[in-house]
Amino acid sequence: MKIVNQEKGITVLLDKPSREGEFKFDGLYLNNNPDTIYKKYVWGYDKKEADKIYIDLLDYIYDKMKEIADSQLKVHIDQNISNMSFYTQKDKYGYYEFFSESPIFDYPKIQKDITVYLNDITEGIVNCKINNRECVFDLIKDRFTKIKPTHGYEREYITALNVIYGYEFALNKLVALEQYKKGIAHKTYTELVNLKKFFDGKKSIKIKLKSGQVIEYKSDHYGINFNQIMHLQEDRYFIHDSYDMKPRPSKIIDLSELECFQYGKNTYKLNIENLIIE
């Protein structure tokens, strides 16, 4: 069955009715391009039709949002690549907000989270949620006509950049990552990223102290938890007194007591001066 909307220039395809007499959306095409069909799901048998092009609506709309976000991210990074102020900004409790999370040395994996609603599909409109943000995509104009937050506490105006990559804190991490790649990041961040690279892929590490004591940190999970080793207190870092350390330290350890971190024959010696945030 077909529903032809001559005014909008689209045709909606409906599947065979269910036992209850309900028709389900099977596809949509623009009347001037009937061989390209948008579907909620593209199945294997669809791809066997050589004379038709089937497009997965979820992938298509999400990829459009991602494409816009990537373009906006490039502009944001170019505009902020020399900005260093966010490193030393403090929250309302007096803590360095940016250093509250472990550093990153690569772009985080982005999970594709999209749900589409087809209540306005006969108008060529797809209502959807991308990363829990409500969006409206016009298939005829091939663009988003509305992006808005779902939760009332978020700012009223958001962009594709916010939908895919987040807000100020998350964006600052990506700016810092690009600064690190260029060798111009804050000295503390640079030192922390280098240390996290040393930890990467390992489930255990030895902490060698100048006293000769050796403390072993071992994780039974996915890998070393950076924040269970490095502890930020006021404007300086210390070695944490984690439960995963054997023997467990009786208190946090000043970095002046640290000789190095060791994994097998490889060692990493911290530049302590770099870990004083200023």
C-alpha atoms as a PDB file:
ATOM      1  CA  MET A   1       0.000   0.000   0.000  1.00  0.00           C
ATOM      2  CA  LYS A   2       1.170   3.533  -0.729  1.00  0.00           C
ATOM      3  CA  ILE A   3       0.327   6.956   0.640  1.00  0.00           C
ATOM      4  CA  VAL A   4       1.227   9.638  -1.889  1.00  0.00           C
ATOM      5  CA  ASN A   5       1.638  13.183  -0.628  1.00  0.00           C
ATOM      6  CA  GLN A   6       1.726  15.212  -3.822  1.00  0.00           C
ATOM      7  CA  GLU A   7       2.121  18.509  -1.970  1.00  0.00           C
ATOM      8  CA  LYS A   8       5.286  17.329  -0.208  1.00  0.00           C
ATOM      9  CA  GLY A   9       6.471  15.248  -3.151  1.00  0.00           C
ATOM     10  CA  ILE A  10       6.853  12.013  -1.201  1.00  0.00           C
ATOM     11  CA  THR A  11       5.411   8.518  -1.175  1.00  0.00           C
ATOM     12  CA  VAL A  12       5.135   6.424   1.986  1.00  0.00           C
ATOM     13  CA  LEU A  13       5.149   2.645   1.609  1.00  0.00           C
ATOM     14  CA  LEU A  14       3.163   0.556   4.066  1.00  0.00           C
ATOM     15  CA  ASP A  15       3.607  -3.123   4.867  1.00  0.00           C
ATOM     16  CA  LYS A  16       0.764  -5.622   4.760  1.00  0.00           C
ATOM     17  CA  PRO A  17      -1.756  -5.062   7.569  1.00  0.00           C
ATOM     18  CA  SER A  18      -1.511  -7.064  10.757  1.00  0.00           C
ATOM     19  CA  ARG A  19      -4.329  -9.224  12.079  1.00  0.00           C
ATOM     20  CA  GLU A  20      -5.561  -6.158  13.914  1.00  0.00           C
ATOM     21  CA  GLY A  21      -5.682  -4.259  10.625  1.00  0.00           C
ATOM     22  CA  GLU A  22      -2.752  -1.992  11.445  1.00  0.00           C
ATOM     23  CA  PHE A  23      -0.380  -0.916   8.701  1.00  0.00           C
ATOM     24  CA  LYS A  24       3.320  -0.524   9.469  1.00  0.00           C
ATOM     25  CA  PHE A  25       5.795   1.831   7.854  1.00  0.00           C
ATOM     26  CA  ASP A  26       7.841   0.019   5.225  1.00  0.00           C
ATOM     27  CA  GLY A  27       9.655   2.859   3.514  1.00  0.00           C
ATOM     28  CA  LEU A  28       9.591   6.319   1.978  1.00  0.00           C
ATOM     29  CA  TYR A  29      10.914   7.840  -1.205  1.00  0.00           C
ATOM     30  CA  LEU A  30      10.911  11.252  -2.812  1.00  0.00           C
ATOM     31  CA  ASN A  31       8.709  11.247  -5.875  1.00  0.00           C
ATOM     32  CA  ASN A  32      11.519  12.668  -8.003  1.00  0.00           C
ATOM     33  CA  ASN A  33      13.847   9.850  -6.875  1.00  0.00           C
ATOM     34  CA  PRO A  34      11.771   6.657  -6.462  1.00  0.00           C
ATOM     35  CA  ASP A  35      14.763   4.314  -6.598  1.00  0.00           C
ATOM     36  CA  THR A  36      16.182   5.589  -3.300  1.00  0.00           C
ATOM     37  CA  ILE A  37      14.076   4.313  -0.416  1.00  0.00           C
ATOM     38  CA  TYR A  38      14.432   5.265   3.249  1.00  0.00           C
ATOM     39  CA  LYS A  39      13.560   2.473   5.670  1.00  0.00           C
ATOM     40  CA  LYS A  40      13.619   2.140   9.443  1.00  0.00           C
ATOM     41  CA  TYR A  41      15.548  -1.098   8.997  1.00  0.00           C
ATOM     42  CA  VAL A  42      17.350  -2.314   5.901  1.00  0.00           C
ATOM     43  CA  TRP A  43      17.312  -6.089   5.647  1.00  0.00           C
ATOM     44  CA  GLY A  44      19.609  -8.402   3.737  1.00  0.00           C
ATOM     45  CA  TYR A  45      17.009  -9.145   1.054  1.00  0.00           C
ATOM     46  CA  ASP A  46      16.650  -5.384   0.423  1.00  0.00           C
ATOM     47  CA  LYS A  47      20.290  -5.162  -0.585  1.00  0.00           C
ATOM     48  CA  LYS A  48      19.788  -7.827  -3.248  1.00  0.00           C
ATOM     49  CA  GLU A  49      17.651  -5.482  -5.337  1.00  0.00           C
ATOM     50  CA  ALA A  50      20.248  -4.039  -7.713  1.00  0.00           C
ATOM     51  CA  ASP A  51      17.927  -1.377  -9.131  1.00  0.00           C
ATOM     52  CA  LYS A  52      17.086   0.112  -5.713  1.00  0.00           C
ATOM     53  CA  ILE A  53      19.099   1.962  -3.074  1.00  0.00           C
ATOM     54  CA  TYR A  54      17.901   1.363   0.482  1.00  0.00           C
ATOM     55  CA  ILE A  55      18.942   3.774   3.214  1.00  0.00           C
ATOM     56  CA  ASP A  56      18.708   2.977   6.912  1.00  0.00           C
ATOM     57  CA  LEU A  57      16.902   5.945   8.493  1.00  0.00           C
ATOM     58  CA  LEU A  58      18.608   5.589  11.873  1.00  0.00           C
ATOM     59  CA  ASP A  59      22.108   5.476  10.394  1.00  0.00           C
ATOM     60  CA  TYR A  60      21.379   8.241   7.894  1.00  0.00           C
ATOM     61  CA  ILE A  61      19.998  10.709  10.434  1.00  0.00           C
ATOM     62  CA  TYR A  62      22.633   9.937  13.063  1.00  0.00           C
ATOM     63  CA  ASP A  63      25.437  10.283  10.505  1.00  0.00           C
ATOM     64  CA  LYS A  64      24.008  13.649   9.440  1.00  0.00           C
ATOM     65  CA  MET A  65      24.137  14.843  13.044  1.00  0.00           C
ATOM     66  CA  LYS A  66      27.662  13.470  13.459  1.00  0.00           C
ATOM     67  CA  GLU A  67      28.820  15.178  10.243  1.00  0.00           C
ATOM     68  CA  ILE A  68      27.522  18.547  11.467  1.00  0.00           C
ATOM     69  CA  ALA A  69      29.015  17.977  14.928  1.00  0.00           C
ATOM     70  CA  ASP A  70      32.438  17.101  13.500  1.00  0.00           C
ATOM     71  CA  SER A  71      32.434  20.297  11.457  1.00  0.00           C
ATOM     72  CA  GLN A  72      31.470  22.358  14.516  1.00  0.00           C
ATOM     73  CA  LEU A  73      34.089  20.595  16.632  1.00  0.00           C
ATOM     74  CA  LYS A  74      36.826  21.534  14.188  1.00  0.00           C
ATOM     75  CA  VAL A  75      35.772  25.186  14.395  1.00  0.00           C
ATOM     76  CA  HIS A  76      35.600  25.013  18.203  1.00  0.00           C
ATOM     77  CA  ILE A  77      39.082  23.512  18.480  1.00  0.00           C
ATOM     78  CA  ASP A  78      40.563  26.017  16.031  1.00  0.00           C
ATOM     79  CA  GLN A  79      39.049  28.868  18.040  1.00  0.00           C
ATOM     80  CA  ASN A  80      40.255  27.508  21.395  1.00  0.00           C
ATOM     81  CA  ILE A  81      43.573  25.822  20.585  1.00  0.00           C
ATOM     82  CA  SER A  82      45.484  28.586  22.412  1.00  0.00           C
ATOM     83  CA  ASN A  83      43.094  28.729  25.371  1.00  0.00           C
ATOM     84  CA  MET A  84      44.765  27.571  28.600  1.00  0.00           C
ATOM     85  CA  SER A  85      42.418  29.157  31.146  1.00  0.00           C
ATOM     86  CA  PHE A  86      40.148  26.112  31.587  1.00  0.00           C
ATOM     87  CA  TYR A  87      42.976  24.079  33.146  1.00  0.00           C
ATOM     88  CA  THR A  88      43.126  26.209  36.279  1.00  0.00           C
ATOM     89  CA  GLN A  89      39.463  27.115  36.699  1.00  0.00           C
ATOM     90  CA  LYS A  90      38.020  26.001  40.022  1.00  0.00           C
ATOM     91  CA  ASP A  91      34.505  24.891  40.842  1.00  0.00           C
ATOM     92  CA  LYS A  92      32.382  26.408  43.606  1.00  0.00           C
ATOM     93  CA  TYR A  93      34.080  24.136  46.156  1.00  0.00           C
ATOM     94  CA  GLY A  94      37.548  25.348  45.236  1.00  0.00           C
ATOM     95  CA  TYR A  95      38.640  22.235  43.300  1.00  0.00           C
ATOM     96  CA  TYR A  96      40.292  22.164  39.905  1.00  0.00           C
ATOM     97  CA  GLU A  97      37.353  20.965  37.843  1.00  0.00           C
ATOM     98  CA  PHE A  98      39.264  19.963  34.711  1.00  0.00           C
ATOM     99  CA  PHE A  99      41.593  17.637  36.612  1.00  0.00           C
ATOM    100  CA  SER A 100      38.723  15.910  38.436  1.00  0.00           C
ATOM    101  CA  GLU A 101      38.719  13.183  35.760  1.00  0.00           C
ATOM    102  CA  SER A 102      41.581  11.157  34.325  1.00  0.00           C
ATOM    103  CA  PRO A 103      43.156  12.475  31.110  1.00  0.00           C
ATOM    104  CA  ILE A 104      42.553  11.088  27.634  1.00  0.00           C
ATOM    105  CA  PHE A 105      45.091  10.463  24.883  1.00  0.00           C
ATOM    106  CA  ASP A 106      42.629   9.552  22.165  1.00  0.00           C
ATOM    107  CA  TYR A 107      39.095  10.456  21.188  1.00  0.00           C
ATOM    108  CA  PRO A 108      36.554   8.505  23.247  1.00  0.00           C
ATOM    109  CA  LYS A 109      34.357   6.008  21.440  1.00  0.00           C
ATOM    110  CA  ILE A 110      30.940   7.443  20.732  1.00  0.00           C
ATOM    111  CA  GLN A 111      28.020   5.106  21.170  1.00  0.00           C
ATOM    112  CA  LYS A 112      25.345   5.525  18.514  1.00  0.00           C
ATOM    113  CA  ASP A 113      22.170   6.205  20.493  1.00  0.00           C
ATOM    114  CA  ILE A 114      19.178   7.073  18.313  1.00  0.00           C
ATOM    115  CA  THR A 115      15.458   6.360  18.387  1.00  0.00           C
ATOM    116  CA  VAL A 116      13.079   7.471  15.648  1.00  0.00           C
ATOM    117  CA  TYR A 117       9.344   8.137  15.805  1.00  0.00           C
ATOM    118  CA  LEU A 118       7.322   8.000  12.603  1.00  0.00           C
ATOM    119  CA  ASN A 119       4.105   9.728  13.651  1.00  0.00           C
ATOM    120  CA  ASP A 120       4.744  12.561  11.138  1.00  0.00           C
ATOM    121  CA  ILE A 121       6.387  10.460   8.423  1.00  0.00           C
ATOM    122  CA  THR A 122       3.610  11.162   5.874  1.00  0.00           C
ATOM    123  CA  GLU A 123       4.824  14.785   5.955  1.00  0.00           C
ATOM    124  CA  GLY A 124       8.412  13.693   5.395  1.00  0.00           C
ATOM    125  CA  ILE A 125       9.241  14.499   9.044  1.00  0.00           C
ATOM    126  CA  VAL A 126      11.170  12.166  11.348  1.00  0.00           C
ATOM    127  CA  ASN A 127      11.011  12.925  15.072  1.00  0.00           C
ATOM    128  CA  CYS A 128      13.902  11.341  16.909  1.00  0.00           C
ATOM    129  CA  LYS A 129      16.046  11.275  19.998  1.00  0.00           C
ATOM    130  CA  ILE A 130      19.813  11.316  19.585  1.00  0.00           C
ATOM    131  CA  ASN A 131      21.767  10.856  22.816  1.00  0.00           C
ATOM    132  CA  ASN A 132      18.530  11.684  24.624  1.00  0.00           C
ATOM    133  CA  ARG A 133      18.149  15.038  22.818  1.00  0.00           C
ATOM    134  CA  GLU A 134      14.948  15.591  20.878  1.00  0.00           C
ATOM    135  CA  CYS A 135      15.486  16.367  17.202  1.00  0.00           C
ATOM    136  CA  VAL A 136      13.348  16.853  14.130  1.00  0.00           C
ATOM    137  CA  PHE A 137      14.727  15.865  10.725  1.00  0.00           C
ATOM    138  CA  ASP A 138      13.075  16.917   7.478  1.00  0.00           C
ATOM    139  CA  LEU A 139      13.741  14.271   4.829  1.00  0.00           C
ATOM    140  CA  ILE A 140      12.529  16.558   2.049  1.00  0.00           C
ATOM    141  CA  LYS A 141      14.870  19.418   3.009  1.00  0.00           C
ATOM    142  CA  ASP A 142      17.508  16.882   4.133  1.00  0.00           C
ATOM    143  CA  ARG A 143      18.302  18.795   7.306  1.00  0.00           C
ATOM    144  CA  PHE A 144      17.472  19.134  10.987  1.00  0.00           C
ATOM    145  CA  THR A 145      14.813  21.709  11.719  1.00  0.00           C
ATOM    146  CA  LYS A 146      14.907  21.442  15.493  1.00  0.00           C
ATOM    147  CA  ILE A 147      17.346  20.292  18.175  1.00  0.00           C
ATOM    148  CA  LYS A 148      16.336  20.708  21.780  1.00  0.00           C
ATOM    149  CA  PRO A 149      17.299  19.298  25.174  1.00  0.00           C
ATOM    150  CA  THR A 150      15.108  16.673  26.770  1.00  0.00           C
ATOM    151  CA  HIS A 151      15.779  17.691  30.354  1.00  0.00           C
ATOM    152  CA  GLY A 152      14.530  21.020  31.630  1.00  0.00           C
ATOM    153  CA  TYR A 153      17.739  21.849  33.484  1.00  0.00           C
ATOM    154  CA  GLU A 154      19.806  22.005  30.293  1.00  0.00           C
ATOM    155  CA  ARG A 155      20.339  25.212  28.367  1.00  0.00           C
ATOM    156  CA  GLU A 156      17.643  26.119  25.893  1.00  0.00           C
ATOM    157  CA  TYR A 157      19.924  26.401  22.853  1.00  0.00           C
ATOM    158  CA  ILE A 158      22.054  23.438  21.893  1.00  0.00           C
ATOM    159  CA  THR A 159      23.891  22.466  18.724  1.00  0.00           C
ATOM    160  CA  ALA A 160      24.861  19.225  17.007  1.00  0.00           C
ATOM    161  CA  LEU A 161      28.242  19.643  18.711  1.00  0.00           C
ATOM    162  CA  ASN A 162      26.566  19.388  22.125  1.00  0.00           C
ATOM    163  CA  VAL A 163      24.408  16.432  21.070  1.00  0.00           C
ATOM    164  CA  ILE A 164      27.378  14.316  19.976  1.00  0.00           C
ATOM    165  CA  TYR A 165      30.294  15.582  22.072  1.00  0.00           C
ATOM    166  CA  GLY A 166      28.715  17.215  25.132  1.00  0.00           C
ATOM    167  CA  TYR A 167      29.133  20.590  26.738  1.00  0.00           C
ATOM    168  CA  GLU A 168      31.971  22.732  28.045  1.00  0.00           C
ATOM    169  CA  PHE A 169      33.769  20.198  30.231  1.00  0.00           C
ATOM    170  CA  ALA A 170      33.779  17.458  27.580  1.00  0.00           C
ATOM    171  CA  LEU A 171      34.782  19.925  24.859  1.00  0.00           C
ATOM    172  CA  ASN A 172      37.667  21.223  26.972  1.00  0.00           C
ATOM    173  CA  LYS A 173      39.008  17.663  27.161  1.00  0.00           C
ATOM    174  CA  LEU A 174      39.042  17.473  23.369  1.00  0.00           C
ATOM    175  CA  VAL A 175      40.777  20.848  23.102  1.00  0.00           C
ATOM    176  CA  ALA A 176      43.376  19.633  25.619  1.00  0.00           C
ATOM    177  CA  LEU A 177      43.842  16.450  23.573  1.00  0.00           C
ATOM    178  CA  GLU A 178      44.570  18.467  20.435  1.00  0.00           C
ATOM    179  CA  GLN A 179      46.919  20.720  22.411  1.00  0.00           C
ATOM    180  CA  TYR A 180      48.728  17.631  23.663  1.00  0.00           C
ATOM    181  CA  LYS A 181      49.159  16.371  20.101  1.00  0.00           C
ATOM    182  CA  LYS A 182      50.716  19.724  19.179  1.00  0.00           C
ATOM    183  CA  GLY A 183      52.947  19.752  22.279  1.00  0.00           C
ATOM    184  CA  ILE A 184      51.362  22.889  23.746  1.00  0.00           C
ATOM    185  CA  ALA A 185      49.112  21.458  26.487  1.00  0.00           C
ATOM    186  CA  HIS A 186      49.407  22.446  30.144  1.00  0.00           C
ATOM    187  CA  LYS A 187      52.464  20.847  31.749  1.00  0.00           C
ATOM    188  CA  THR A 188      50.360  18.970  34.316  1.00  0.00           C
ATOM    189  CA  TYR A 189      48.033  17.570  31.702  1.00  0.00           C
ATOM    190  CA  THR A 190      50.971  16.538  29.505  1.00  0.00           C
ATOM    191  CA  GLU A 191      52.604  14.673  32.380  1.00  0.00           C
ATOM    192  CA  LEU A 192      49.352  12.919  33.276  1.00  0.00           C
ATOM    193  CA  VAL A 193      48.678  11.849  29.685  1.00  0.00           C
ATOM    194  CA  ASN A 194      52.191  10.427  29.368  1.00  0.00           C
ATOM    195  CA  LEU A 195      51.693   8.500  32.590  1.00  0.00           C
ATOM    196  CA  LYS A 196      48.297   7.194  31.488  1.00  0.00           C
ATOM    197  CA  LYS A 197      49.880   5.994  28.240  1.00  0.00           C
ATOM    198  CA  PHE A 198      52.358   4.041  30.340  1.00  0.00           C
ATOM    199  CA  PHE A 199      49.447   2.484  32.270  1.00  0.00           C
ATOM    200  CA  ASP A 200      47.429   1.747  29.134  1.00  0.00           C
ATOM    201  CA  GLY A 201      46.633  -1.912  28.508  1.00  0.00           C
ATOM    202  CA  LYS A 202      48.042  -3.062  31.839  1.00  0.00           C
ATOM    203  CA  LYS A 203      46.188  -4.673  34.745  1.00  0.00           C
ATOM    204  CA  SER A 204      48.991  -4.349  37.273  1.00  0.00           C
ATOM    205  CA  ILE A 205      51.812  -1.957  38.050  1.00  0.00           C
ATOM    206  CA  LYS A 206      54.542  -1.700  40.663  1.00  0.00           C
ATOM    207  CA  ILE A 207      55.042   1.500  42.616  1.00  0.00           C
ATOM    208  CA  LYS A 208      58.664   1.737  43.734  1.00  0.00           C
ATOM    209  CA  LEU A 209      59.445   4.122  46.572  1.00  0.00           C
ATOM    210  CA  LYS A 210      62.807   5.702  47.353  1.00  0.00           C
ATOM    211  CA  SER A 211      62.774   3.860  50.667  1.00  0.00           C
ATOM    212  CA  GLY A 212      63.044   0.585  48.748  1.00  0.00           C
ATOM    213  CA  GLN A 213      59.451  -0.455  49.423  1.00  0.00           C
ATOM    214  CA  VAL A 214      57.532  -1.832  46.446  1.00  0.00           C
ATOM    215  CA  ILE A 215      53.739  -1.554  46.302  1.00  0.00           C
ATOM    216  CA  GLU A 216      51.830  -3.569  43.731  1.00  0.00           C
ATOM    217  CA  TYR A 217      48.609  -2.293  42.257  1.00  0.00           C
ATOM    218  CA  LYS A 218      46.491  -4.943  40.559  1.00  0.00           C
ATOM    219  CA  SER A 219      43.098  -4.543  38.934  1.00  0.00           C
ATOM    220  CA  ASP A 220      40.725  -7.449  38.381  1.00  0.00           C
ATOM    221  CA  HIS A 221      38.638  -5.373  36.001  1.00  0.00           C
ATOM    222  CA  TYR A 222      39.313  -3.870  32.572  1.00  0.00           C
ATOM    223  CA  GLY A 223      42.637  -2.257  33.400  1.00  0.00           C
ATOM    224  CA  ILE A 224      44.334   0.198  35.681  1.00  0.00           C
ATOM    225  CA  ASN A 225      42.022   2.779  37.227  1.00  0.00           C
ATOM    226  CA  PHE A 226      44.067   5.961  36.871  1.00  0.00           C
ATOM    227  CA  ASN A 227      42.258   7.733  39.723  1.00  0.00           C
ATOM    228  CA  GLN A 228      43.033   4.883  42.126  1.00  0.00           C
ATOM    229  CA  ILE A 229      46.728   5.637  41.736  1.00  0.00           C
ATOM    230  CA  MET A 230      46.916   9.390  41.230  1.00  0.00           C
ATOM    231  CA  HIS A 231      45.117  11.428  43.881  1.00  0.00           C
ATOM    232  CA  LEU A 232      44.599  15.183  43.482  1.00  0.00           C
ATOM    233  CA  GLN A 233      44.516  17.174  46.715  1.00  0.00           C
ATOM    234  CA  GLU A 234      44.254  20.940  46.454  1.00  0.00           C
ATOM    235  CA  ASP A 235      46.836  21.845  43.784  1.00  0.00           C
ATOM    236  CA  ARG A 236      49.097  18.778  43.986  1.00  0.00           C
ATOM    237  CA  TYR A 237      49.006  15.108  43.160  1.00  0.00           C
ATOM    238  CA  PHE A 238      49.800  12.240  45.541  1.00  0.00           C
ATOM    239  CA  ILE A 239      49.867   8.451  45.310  1.00  0.00           C
ATOM    240  CA  HIS A 240      46.494   7.099  46.411  1.00  0.00           C
ATOM    241  CA  ASP A 241      46.023   4.654  49.291  1.00  0.00           C
ATOM    242  CA  SER A 242      43.874   2.311  47.189  1.00  0.00           C
ATOM    243  CA  TYR A 243      42.362  -0.971  48.384  1.00  0.00           C
ATOM    244  CA  ASP A 244      43.817  -2.553  45.228  1.00  0.00           C
ATOM    245  CA  MET A 245      47.372  -1.895  46.455  1.00  0.00           C
ATOM    246  CA  LYS A 246      49.396  -4.533  48.294  1.00  0.00           C
ATOM    247  CA  PRO A 247      50.508  -3.713  50.837  1.00  0.00           C
ATOM    248  CA  ARG A 248      47.929  -0.967  51.128  1.00  0.00           C
ATOM    249  CA  PRO A 249      49.530   2.334  52.225  1.00  0.00           C
ATOM    250  CA  SER A 250      48.309   3.721  55.540  1.00  0.00           C
ATOM    251  CA  LYS A 251      47.884   7.156  53.936  1.00  0.00           C
ATOM    252  CA  ILE A 252      48.370   8.937  50.643  1.00  0.00           C
ATOM    253  CA  ILE A 253      52.020   9.082  49.568  1.00  0.00           C
ATOM    254  CA  ASP A 254      53.771  12.313  48.701  1.00  0.00           C
ATOM    255  CA  LEU A 255      55.326  12.176  45.233  1.00  0.00           C
ATOM    256  CA  SER A 256      58.693  13.164  46.710  1.00  0.00           C
ATOM    257  CA  GLU A 257      58.803   9.586  48.087  1.00  0.00           C
ATOM    258  CA  LEU A 258      58.258   8.015  44.665  1.00  0.00           C
ATOM    259  CA  GLU A 259      61.143   6.473  42.756  1.00  0.00           C
ATOM    260  CA  CYS A 260      59.201   5.276  39.703  1.00  0.00           C
ATOM    261  CA  PHE A 261      56.376   3.172  38.322  1.00  0.00           C
ATOM    262  CA  GLN A 262      57.441  -0.190  36.924  1.00  0.00           C
ATOM    263  CA  TYR A 263      55.945  -2.787  34.612  1.00  0.00           C
ATOM    264  CA  GLY A 264      58.278  -5.650  33.820  1.00  0.00           C
ATOM    265  CA  LYS A 265      61.583  -4.048  32.831  1.00  0.00           C
ATOM    266  CA  ASN A 266      59.946  -0.779  31.788  1.00  0.00           C
ATOM    267  CA  THR A 267      59.813   2.153  34.184  1.00  0.00           C
ATOM    268  CA  TYR A 268      58.230   5.603  34.217  1.00  0.00           C
ATOM    269  CA  LYS A 269      59.721   8.365  36.355  1.00  0.00           C
ATOM    270  CA  LEU A 270      57.455  11.310  37.035  1.00  0.00           C
ATOM    271  CA  ASN A 271      58.537  14.921  36.675  1.00  0.00           C
ATOM    272  CA  ILE A 272      57.069  16.008  40.002  1.00  0.00           C
ATOM    273  CA  GLU A 273      57.359  19.721  39.250  1.00  0.00           C
ATOM    274  CA  ASN A 274      54.923  19.260  36.378  1.00  0.00           C
ATOM    275  CA  LEU A 275      52.260  17.957  38.748  1.00  0.00           C
ATOM    276  CA  ILE A 276      52.028  21.164  40.751  1.00  0.00           C
ATOM    277  CA  ILE A 277      49.078  22.927  39.134  1.00  0.00           C
ATOM    278  CA  GLU A 278      49.634  26.624  38.619  1.00  0.00           C
END
